[in-house]
């Protein structure tokens, strides 16, 4: 019987393998509709090289930026590694 290690006992490689098992496509850019998202190719606050903002209406459905009541911003490095994710409510 295999005993799982506690997170504190795992090496970085072991932890990343566990994340890949659970999350699958961890860190990859989601397929996006340019009508409902916005990519900015400039340095991000968390040290990324670009960010993508996804916009949602009050019911959580993708929508245009003008109609949005919330946003999910993902920050990535140039090689596609996700470094941060921020959720926000828009004052409308």
N, C-alpha and C. Protein backbone atom coordinates (compact mmCIF):
# COMPACT_ATOMS: atom_id res chain seq x y z
N UNK A 1 0.85 -1.18 0.00
CA UNK A 1 0.00 0.00 0.00
C UNK A 1 0.89 1.24 0.00
N UNK A 2 0.57 2.18 -0.87
CA UNK A 2 1.34 3.41 -1.01
C UNK A 2 0.85 4.47 -0.03
N UNK A 3 1.77 5.06 0.69
CA UNK A 3 1.41 6.12 1.63
C UNK A 3 1.73 7.46 0.99
N UNK A 4 0.75 8.36 0.96
CA UNK A 4 0.99 9.70 0.41
C UNK A 4 1.71 10.54 1.45
N UNK A 5 2.63 11.34 0.95
CA UNK A 5 3.35 12.26 1.82
C UNK A 5 2.50 13.47 2.11
N UNK A 6 2.78 14.11 3.22
CA UNK A 6 2.17 15.41 3.51
C UNK A 6 2.83 16.43 2.59
N UNK A 7 2.12 17.50 2.28
CA UNK A 7 2.64 18.52 1.37
C UNK A 7 4.00 19.03 1.85
N UNK A 8 4.14 19.23 3.15
CA UNK A 8 5.38 19.75 3.70
C UNK A 8 6.56 18.81 3.46
N UNK A 9 6.28 17.52 3.25
CA UNK A 9 7.34 16.52 3.05
C UNK A 9 7.70 16.31 1.58
N UNK A 10 6.90 16.88 0.67
CA UNK A 10 7.11 16.66 -0.76
C UNK A 10 8.18 17.57 -1.33
N UNK A 11 8.89 17.04 -2.33
CA UNK A 11 9.78 17.88 -3.10
C UNK A 11 8.92 18.71 -4.06
N UNK A 12 9.51 19.73 -4.66
CA UNK A 12 8.76 20.53 -5.65
C UNK A 12 8.25 19.65 -6.79
N UNK A 13 9.08 18.73 -7.26
CA UNK A 13 8.69 17.85 -8.37
C UNK A 13 7.49 16.97 -7.97
N UNK A 14 7.53 16.42 -6.75
CA UNK A 14 6.42 15.58 -6.29
C UNK A 14 5.13 16.40 -6.17
N UNK A 15 5.24 17.62 -5.64
CA UNK A 15 4.08 18.49 -5.49
C UNK A 15 3.50 18.84 -6.86
N UNK A 16 4.36 19.18 -7.82
CA UNK A 16 3.88 19.53 -9.16
C UNK A 16 3.22 18.34 -9.84
N UNK A 17 3.74 17.13 -9.65
CA UNK A 17 3.09 15.93 -10.20
C UNK A 17 1.70 15.74 -9.60
N UNK A 18 1.57 15.97 -8.28
CA UNK A 18 0.28 15.86 -7.62
C UNK A 18 -0.70 16.88 -8.20
N UNK A 19 -0.25 18.12 -8.38
CA UNK A 19 -1.12 19.14 -8.98
C UNK A 19 -1.56 18.74 -10.38
N UNK A 20 -0.64 18.20 -11.16
CA UNK A 20 -0.99 17.77 -12.52
C UNK A 20 -2.04 16.66 -12.50
N UNK A 21 -1.93 15.73 -11.53
CA UNK A 21 -2.92 14.65 -11.40
C UNK A 21 -4.31 15.21 -11.10
N UNK A 22 -4.35 16.19 -10.22
CA UNK A 22 -5.62 16.74 -9.76
C UNK A 22 -6.20 17.74 -10.75
N UNK A 23 -5.36 18.64 -11.26
CA UNK A 23 -5.86 19.75 -12.07
C UNK A 23 -5.72 19.54 -13.57
N UNK A 24 -4.99 18.55 -13.99
CA UNK A 24 -4.84 18.32 -15.42
C UNK A 24 -4.00 19.37 -16.10
N UNK A 25 -4.63 20.32 -16.74
CA UNK A 25 -3.92 21.32 -17.54
C UNK A 25 -3.52 22.53 -16.72
N UNK A 26 -3.02 22.31 -15.54
CA UNK A 26 -2.61 23.38 -14.64
C UNK A 26 -1.66 24.36 -15.35
N UNK A 27 -1.99 25.63 -15.21
CA UNK A 27 -1.10 26.66 -15.71
C UNK A 27 -1.23 26.99 -17.18
N UNK A 28 -2.00 26.23 -17.92
CA UNK A 28 -2.14 26.53 -19.34
C UNK A 28 -3.23 27.57 -19.55
N UNK A 29 -3.03 28.38 -20.55
CA UNK A 29 -4.00 29.41 -20.87
C UNK A 29 -5.30 28.77 -21.35
N UNK A 30 -6.41 29.20 -20.78
CA UNK A 30 -7.70 28.67 -21.16
C UNK A 30 -8.07 29.12 -22.57
N UNK A 31 -8.84 28.27 -23.25
CA UNK A 31 -9.37 28.68 -24.55
C UNK A 31 -10.27 29.88 -24.29
N UNK A 32 -10.09 30.95 -25.06
CA UNK A 32 -10.83 32.15 -24.74
C UNK A 32 -11.50 32.75 -25.96
N UNK A 33 -12.59 33.44 -25.70
CA UNK A 33 -13.33 34.18 -26.72
C UNK A 33 -12.89 35.64 -26.61
N UNK A 34 -12.29 36.21 -27.66
CA UNK A 34 -11.79 37.58 -27.56
C UNK A 34 -12.88 38.63 -27.31
N UNK A 35 -14.13 38.28 -27.54
CA UNK A 35 -15.22 39.22 -27.23
C UNK A 35 -15.40 39.40 -25.73
N UNK A 36 -15.03 38.38 -24.95
CA UNK A 36 -15.29 38.37 -23.52
C UNK A 36 -14.01 38.39 -22.68
N UNK A 37 -12.89 38.69 -23.30
CA UNK A 37 -11.62 38.71 -22.59
C UNK A 37 -10.71 39.77 -23.20
N UNK A 38 -9.64 40.06 -22.46
CA UNK A 38 -8.69 41.08 -22.91
C UNK A 38 -7.29 40.65 -22.49
N UNK A 39 -6.39 40.57 -23.46
CA UNK A 39 -5.00 40.22 -23.16
C UNK A 39 -4.16 41.49 -23.20
N UNK A 40 -3.27 41.61 -22.19
CA UNK A 40 -2.34 42.75 -22.14
C UNK A 40 -0.93 42.19 -22.12
N UNK A 41 -0.16 42.55 -23.13
CA UNK A 41 1.23 42.09 -23.23
C UNK A 41 2.16 43.14 -22.62
N UNK A 42 2.19 43.14 -21.30
CA UNK A 42 3.04 44.05 -20.54
C UNK A 42 3.31 43.42 -19.17
N UNK A 43 4.37 43.83 -18.49
CA UNK A 43 4.68 43.25 -17.18
C UNK A 43 3.50 43.38 -16.20
N UNK A 44 3.32 42.35 -15.37
CA UNK A 44 2.20 42.32 -14.42
C UNK A 44 2.72 42.59 -13.00
N UNK A 45 1.83 42.93 -12.08
CA UNK A 45 2.24 43.21 -10.70
C UNK A 45 2.93 42.03 -10.00
N UNK A 46 2.61 40.80 -10.41
CA UNK A 46 3.18 39.62 -9.75
C UNK A 46 4.39 39.06 -10.47
N UNK A 47 4.95 39.82 -11.40
CA UNK A 47 6.15 39.37 -12.10
C UNK A 47 5.90 38.61 -13.38
N UNK A 48 4.67 38.60 -13.86
CA UNK A 48 4.38 37.95 -15.12
C UNK A 48 4.73 38.85 -16.30
N UNK A 49 4.63 38.28 -17.50
CA UNK A 49 4.95 39.01 -18.72
C UNK A 49 3.69 39.48 -19.46
N UNK A 50 2.57 38.84 -19.18
CA UNK A 50 1.31 39.26 -19.77
C UNK A 50 0.15 38.80 -18.89
N UNK A 51 -1.02 39.38 -19.12
CA UNK A 51 -2.20 39.00 -18.35
C UNK A 51 -3.39 38.87 -19.28
N UNK A 52 -4.37 38.10 -18.82
CA UNK A 52 -5.63 37.95 -19.54
C UNK A 52 -6.76 38.18 -18.55
N UNK A 53 -7.65 39.08 -18.89
CA UNK A 53 -8.83 39.37 -18.06
C UNK A 53 -10.04 38.72 -18.71
N UNK A 54 -10.81 37.97 -17.94
CA UNK A 54 -12.05 37.33 -18.39
C UNK A 54 -13.21 38.05 -17.71
N UNK A 55 -14.21 38.47 -18.48
CA UNK A 55 -15.31 39.27 -17.95
C UNK A 55 -16.58 38.44 -17.83
N UNK A 56 -17.36 38.70 -16.73
CA UNK A 56 -18.58 37.94 -16.44
C UNK A 56 -19.69 38.88 -16.01
N UNK A 57 -20.93 38.53 -16.39
CA UNK A 57 -22.09 39.32 -15.98
C UNK A 57 -22.52 38.93 -14.56
N UNK A 58 -23.60 39.51 -14.06
CA UNK A 58 -24.04 39.28 -12.68
C UNK A 58 -24.43 37.82 -12.42
N UNK A 59 -24.73 37.07 -13.48
CA UNK A 59 -25.09 35.65 -13.34
C UNK A 59 -23.91 34.71 -13.55
N UNK A 60 -22.72 35.30 -13.77
CA UNK A 60 -21.53 34.47 -13.94
C UNK A 60 -21.28 34.00 -15.36
N UNK A 61 -21.99 34.55 -16.33
CA UNK A 61 -21.82 34.17 -17.72
C UNK A 61 -20.82 35.10 -18.40
N UNK A 62 -20.00 34.56 -19.31
CA UNK A 62 -19.07 35.42 -20.04
C UNK A 62 -19.82 36.55 -20.75
N UNK A 63 -19.22 37.75 -20.75
CA UNK A 63 -19.85 38.90 -21.40
C UNK A 63 -18.78 39.89 -21.82
N UNK A 64 -19.18 40.96 -22.47
CA UNK A 64 -18.25 42.00 -22.87
C UNK A 64 -17.80 42.79 -21.64
N UNK A 65 -16.70 43.49 -21.79
CA UNK A 65 -16.17 44.30 -20.70
C UNK A 65 -17.20 45.34 -20.25
N UNK A 66 -17.91 45.95 -21.20
CA UNK A 66 -18.90 46.99 -20.88
C UNK A 66 -20.07 46.45 -20.06
N UNK A 67 -20.40 45.18 -20.20
CA UNK A 67 -21.54 44.57 -19.50
C UNK A 67 -21.12 43.87 -18.21
N UNK A 68 -19.83 43.79 -17.95
CA UNK A 68 -19.31 42.95 -16.86
C UNK A 68 -19.59 43.50 -15.47
N UNK A 69 -19.87 42.57 -14.54
CA UNK A 69 -19.98 42.93 -13.13
C UNK A 69 -18.85 42.29 -12.32
N UNK A 70 -18.08 41.37 -12.96
CA UNK A 70 -16.91 40.78 -12.30
C UNK A 70 -15.86 40.45 -13.35
N UNK A 71 -14.63 40.27 -12.86
CA UNK A 71 -13.50 39.97 -13.74
C UNK A 71 -12.58 38.97 -13.06
N UNK A 72 -11.96 38.11 -13.85
CA UNK A 72 -10.96 37.16 -13.38
C UNK A 72 -9.71 37.44 -14.20
N UNK A 73 -8.62 37.87 -13.53
CA UNK A 73 -7.40 38.22 -14.24
C UNK A 73 -6.32 37.19 -13.93
N UNK A 74 -5.77 36.59 -14.97
CA UNK A 74 -4.70 35.62 -14.84
C UNK A 74 -3.41 36.23 -15.35
N UNK A 75 -2.31 36.03 -14.61
CA UNK A 75 -1.00 36.54 -14.99
C UNK A 75 -0.11 35.36 -15.36
N UNK A 76 0.63 35.50 -16.48
CA UNK A 76 1.48 34.43 -17.00
C UNK A 76 2.89 34.94 -17.28
N UNK A 77 3.86 34.02 -17.20
CA UNK A 77 5.21 34.33 -17.66
C UNK A 77 5.25 34.10 -19.17
N UNK A 78 6.33 34.53 -19.81
CA UNK A 78 6.45 34.39 -21.27
C UNK A 78 6.36 32.93 -21.71
N UNK A 79 6.79 31.99 -20.86
CA UNK A 79 6.74 30.57 -21.23
C UNK A 79 5.40 29.91 -20.88
N UNK A 80 4.42 30.72 -20.46
CA UNK A 80 3.07 30.20 -20.22
C UNK A 80 2.79 29.73 -18.81
N UNK A 81 3.70 29.92 -17.88
CA UNK A 81 3.48 29.49 -16.49
C UNK A 81 2.62 30.53 -15.77
N UNK A 82 1.52 30.08 -15.17
CA UNK A 82 0.63 30.99 -14.45
C UNK A 82 1.26 31.36 -13.12
N UNK A 83 1.33 32.69 -12.84
CA UNK A 83 1.96 33.14 -11.61
C UNK A 83 0.98 33.74 -10.61
N UNK A 84 -0.20 34.15 -11.08
CA UNK A 84 -1.17 34.72 -10.15
C UNK A 84 -2.55 34.74 -10.80
N UNK A 85 -3.57 34.78 -9.96
CA UNK A 85 -4.95 34.86 -10.41
C UNK A 85 -5.69 35.79 -9.45
N UNK A 86 -6.42 36.75 -9.98
CA UNK A 86 -7.13 37.72 -9.17
C UNK A 86 -8.59 37.77 -9.60
N UNK A 87 -9.50 37.76 -8.62
CA UNK A 87 -10.93 37.91 -8.88
C UNK A 87 -11.37 39.27 -8.38
N UNK A 88 -12.23 39.93 -9.12
CA UNK A 88 -12.69 41.23 -8.67
C UNK A 88 -14.13 41.52 -9.06
N UNK A 89 -14.78 42.32 -8.25
CA UNK A 89 -16.12 42.81 -8.55
C UNK A 89 -15.98 44.20 -9.14
N UNK A 90 -16.74 44.50 -10.17
CA UNK A 90 -16.69 45.79 -10.81
C UNK A 90 -17.84 46.65 -10.30
N UNK A 91 -17.55 47.89 -10.02
CA UNK A 91 -18.56 48.79 -9.46
C UNK A 91 -19.53 49.30 -10.49
N UNK A 92 -20.59 48.56 -10.72
CA UNK A 92 -21.61 48.97 -11.69
C UNK A 92 -22.95 48.95 -11.03
